[in-house]
Amino acid sequence: MPRTKEQFEEMRKATRDKIQFAAMQLFVQKGFGSTNVQEIADLADISIGLLYRHYKTKEELFNELVDYSSEGIKEIINLFEQEYSPKKLIKQFVDVVYNDMKNDEELANLLVLLAQSFLSGAANIKQDEIIQLNIKALQATAKLIERGQSLGEFRPGNPYELAEYFYSAIQGLAVMKITLKDRFIMPSPSVITAFLFKEGE
């Protein structure tokens, strides 16, 4: 019985998912420059010809993964621009980060991949777009912190500096998770937010 169009589309998506997962693992572990297309195909358990049917170049694949990672930053911006309690929004975000980093490697891989996008030497990487997106995320977070300070929910301090510190801590934890593997212990949400929330809150 011939396959339907929907079945072909499912197979195509499943293959792309395998390629993306394999590429993400290798880019994070070895770096963009040290990863070759044959290694990606081997880890994805497909032929190199099939890989090239989905992605013409390694750069195209890398860029798609960076685009996917960038969507996560846009979601953070949207979350932090909501008119709820700043403390509640930060807690909600940190809980998601905590659970993702504790239970699997996807978030850590995405964060490391975004950082690598500046160091990879890959052609056509949208560095300006990523810089602008990161600045928007910092600005949205700083505004949220400032609003939280005015409501008495957060400690005093320069909101932009606190936002930078917040993301630096999360980025650092992502690198440690990838580096330490099974020996990594994810700090609790209360440890991650201790610099921001007032004593005993």
Protein backbone atom coordinates (compact mmCIF):
# COMPACT_ATOMS: atom_id res chain seq x y z
CA MET A 1 0.00 0.00 0.00
CA PRO A 2 1.56 3.33 -1.03
CA ARG A 3 2.38 5.88 1.66
CA THR A 4 0.21 8.95 2.05
CA LYS A 5 1.49 12.52 1.78
CA GLU A 6 1.13 12.83 5.56
CA GLN A 7 3.24 9.71 6.14
CA PHE A 8 5.98 11.06 3.86
CA GLU A 9 5.91 14.35 5.77
CA GLU A 10 6.19 12.50 9.10
CA MET A 11 9.17 10.54 7.79
CA ARG A 12 10.79 13.73 6.51
CA LYS A 13 10.32 15.45 9.89
CA ALA A 14 11.64 12.41 11.76
CA THR A 15 14.78 12.43 9.59
CA ARG A 16 15.32 16.17 10.10
CA ASP A 17 14.87 15.72 13.87
CA LYS A 18 17.52 12.97 13.88
CA ILE A 19 19.92 15.17 11.89
CA GLN A 20 19.34 18.17 14.15
CA PHE A 21 19.77 16.12 17.33
CA ALA A 22 23.02 14.58 16.05
CA ALA A 23 24.35 17.94 14.84
CA MET A 24 23.50 19.63 18.13
CA GLN A 25 25.41 16.96 20.08
CA LEU A 26 28.47 17.22 17.86
CA PHE A 27 28.54 21.02 17.53
CA VAL A 28 28.34 21.37 21.31
CA GLN A 29 30.91 18.67 22.09
CA LYS A 30 33.42 19.31 19.28
CA GLY A 31 32.61 22.80 17.99
CA PHE A 32 31.37 23.78 14.55
CA GLY A 33 34.77 23.80 12.85
CA SER A 34 35.79 20.36 14.13
CA THR A 35 32.54 18.64 13.18
CA ASN A 36 32.22 17.21 9.67
CA VAL A 37 29.08 16.24 7.80
CA GLN A 38 29.95 12.53 7.72
CA GLU A 39 30.08 12.46 11.53
CA ILE A 40 26.62 14.04 11.71
CA ALA A 41 25.25 11.48 9.24
CA ASP A 42 26.86 8.60 11.16
CA LEU A 43 25.49 9.74 14.53
CA ALA A 44 22.03 10.27 12.97
CA ASP A 45 22.34 6.76 11.46
CA ILE A 46 21.55 7.94 7.93
CA SER A 47 23.48 8.16 4.67
CA ILE A 48 25.37 11.34 3.86
CA GLY A 49 23.31 11.60 0.66
CA LEU A 50 20.10 11.71 2.70
CA LEU A 51 21.57 14.39 4.95
CA TYR A 52 22.42 16.53 1.90
CA ARG A 53 18.83 16.16 0.68
CA HIS A 54 17.73 17.99 3.82
CA TYR A 55 20.64 20.42 4.25
CA LYS A 56 22.87 21.66 1.43
CA THR A 57 25.67 22.74 3.79
CA LYS A 58 26.83 22.37 7.38
CA GLU A 59 26.31 26.15 7.75
CA GLU A 60 22.65 25.84 6.75
CA LEU A 61 22.12 23.17 9.42
CA PHE A 62 23.98 25.22 12.05
CA ASN A 63 21.94 28.31 11.21
CA GLU A 64 18.67 26.41 11.56
CA LEU A 65 19.71 25.26 15.03
CA VAL A 66 20.70 28.83 15.95
CA ASP A 67 17.30 30.06 14.70
CA TYR A 68 15.60 27.45 16.86
CA SER A 69 17.66 28.57 19.87
CA SER A 70 16.77 32.20 19.16
CA GLU A 71 13.06 31.38 19.42
CA GLY A 72 13.68 30.54 23.08
CA ILE A 73 15.06 34.04 23.69
CA LYS A 74 11.96 35.57 22.08
CA GLU A 75 9.77 33.52 24.44
CA ILE A 76 11.70 34.90 27.44
CA ILE A 77 11.19 38.46 26.20
CA ASN A 78 7.45 37.84 25.77
CA LEU A 79 7.20 36.30 29.25
CA PHE A 80 9.05 39.15 30.96
CA GLU A 81 6.96 41.83 29.23
CA GLN A 82 3.77 40.52 30.85
CA GLU A 83 2.12 42.60 33.57
CA TYR A 84 2.24 39.98 36.33
CA SER A 85 4.29 40.13 39.53
CA PRO A 86 7.99 40.36 38.51
CA LYS A 87 8.91 37.92 41.27
CA LYS A 88 6.33 35.43 40.02
CA LEU A 89 7.60 35.74 36.41
CA ILE A 90 11.25 35.26 37.46
CA LYS A 91 10.27 32.25 39.58
CA GLN A 92 8.31 30.77 36.67
CA PHE A 93 11.27 31.17 34.32
CA VAL A 94 13.81 29.81 36.82
CA ASP A 95 11.60 26.79 37.55
CA VAL A 96 11.54 25.98 33.82
CA VAL A 97 15.34 26.40 33.57
CA TYR A 98 15.84 24.24 36.67
CA ASN A 99 13.63 21.40 35.43
CA ASP A 100 15.08 21.47 31.90
CA MET A 101 18.69 21.49 33.09
CA LYS A 102 18.06 18.84 35.74
CA ASN A 103 16.22 16.41 33.49
CA ASP A 104 17.90 16.66 30.08
CA GLU A 105 20.52 18.47 28.02
CA GLU A 106 18.42 20.32 25.44
CA LEU A 107 18.43 23.74 27.12
CA ALA A 108 22.11 23.49 28.03
CA ASN A 109 22.93 22.50 24.44
CA LEU A 110 20.89 25.40 23.03
CA LEU A 111 22.63 27.93 25.29
CA VAL A 112 26.09 26.60 24.45
CA LEU A 113 25.21 26.54 20.74
CA LEU A 114 24.16 30.21 20.84
CA ALA A 115 27.47 31.12 22.48
CA GLN A 116 29.34 29.05 19.89
CA SER A 117 27.62 30.89 17.08
CA PHE A 118 30.01 33.78 17.84
CA LEU A 119 33.10 31.61 17.99
CA SER A 120 32.43 29.11 15.21
CA GLY A 121 33.79 30.93 12.20
CA ALA A 122 30.79 29.62 10.27
CA ALA A 123 29.78 31.59 7.22
CA ASN A 124 26.47 33.46 7.17
CA ILE A 125 25.83 33.18 10.90
CA LYS A 126 23.34 35.89 11.84
CA GLN A 127 25.48 37.37 14.60
CA ASP A 128 23.94 40.86 14.46
CA GLU A 129 20.45 39.40 14.84
CA ILE A 130 21.52 37.33 17.84
CA ILE A 131 23.27 40.30 19.47
CA GLN A 132 20.14 42.45 19.06
CA LEU A 133 17.97 39.66 20.45
CA ASN A 134 20.23 39.24 23.48
CA ILE A 135 20.18 43.00 24.10
CA LYS A 136 16.36 42.97 23.93
CA ALA A 137 16.26 40.09 26.43
CA LEU A 138 18.59 41.96 28.79
CA GLN A 139 16.54 45.14 28.48
CA ALA A 140 13.25 43.28 29.10
CA THR A 141 14.78 41.56 32.14
CA ALA A 142 16.26 44.82 33.48
CA LYS A 143 12.85 46.52 33.17
CA LEU A 144 11.24 43.59 34.98
CA ILE A 145 13.85 43.80 37.76
CA GLU A 146 13.36 47.56 38.03
CA ARG A 147 9.60 47.06 38.34
CA GLY A 148 10.20 44.37 40.97
CA GLN A 149 12.46 46.73 42.92
CA SER A 150 9.82 49.47 42.88
CA LEU A 151 7.31 46.94 44.28
CA GLY A 152 9.75 45.88 46.99
CA GLU A 153 10.09 42.33 45.60
CA PHE A 154 13.79 42.50 44.66
CA ARG A 155 17.01 43.72 46.22
CA PRO A 156 18.35 47.14 45.21
CA GLY A 157 21.06 47.45 42.56
CA ASN A 158 21.56 48.41 38.95
CA PRO A 159 18.82 46.48 37.09
CA TYR A 160 20.87 45.99 33.91
CA GLU A 161 23.87 44.67 35.87
CA LEU A 162 21.60 42.29 37.78
CA ALA A 163 20.09 41.08 34.48
CA GLU A 164 23.59 40.44 33.06
CA TYR A 165 24.56 38.54 36.20
CA PHE A 166 21.36 36.47 36.00
CA TYR A 167 21.99 35.32 32.43
CA SER A 168 25.72 34.82 33.03
CA ALA A 169 24.87 32.42 35.86
CA ILE A 170 22.46 30.42 33.68
CA GLN A 171 24.93 30.35 30.76
CA GLY A 172 27.70 29.22 33.11
CA LEU A 173 25.52 26.43 34.49
CA ALA A 174 24.81 25.27 30.92
CA VAL A 175 28.55 25.04 30.19
CA MET A 176 29.16 23.19 33.48
CA LYS A 177 26.36 20.71 32.72
CA ILE A 178 27.87 19.88 29.32
CA THR A 179 31.38 19.70 30.79
CA LEU A 180 30.69 17.76 34.01
CA LYS A 181 27.98 15.48 32.57
CA ASP A 182 26.78 13.03 35.29
CA ARG A 183 28.78 14.83 37.99
CA PHE A 184 26.83 18.06 37.45
CA ILE A 185 24.40 19.01 40.23
CA MET A 186 21.84 21.62 39.23
CA PRO A 187 21.52 24.32 41.93
CA SER A 188 18.01 24.77 43.31
CA PRO A 189 15.81 27.66 42.10
CA SER A 190 16.32 29.40 45.48
CA VAL A 191 20.11 29.40 44.94
CA ILE A 192 19.75 30.79 41.40
CA THR A 193 17.51 33.66 42.60
CA ALA A 194 19.30 34.34 45.94
CA PHE A 195 21.11 37.38 44.48
CA LEU A 196 17.79 38.96 43.51
CA PHE A 197 15.15 38.08 46.08
CA LYS A 198 15.19 39.71 49.48
CA GLU A 199 16.40 37.74 52.49
CA GLY A 200 13.94 35.06 53.63
CA GLU A 201 11.71 35.36 50.54
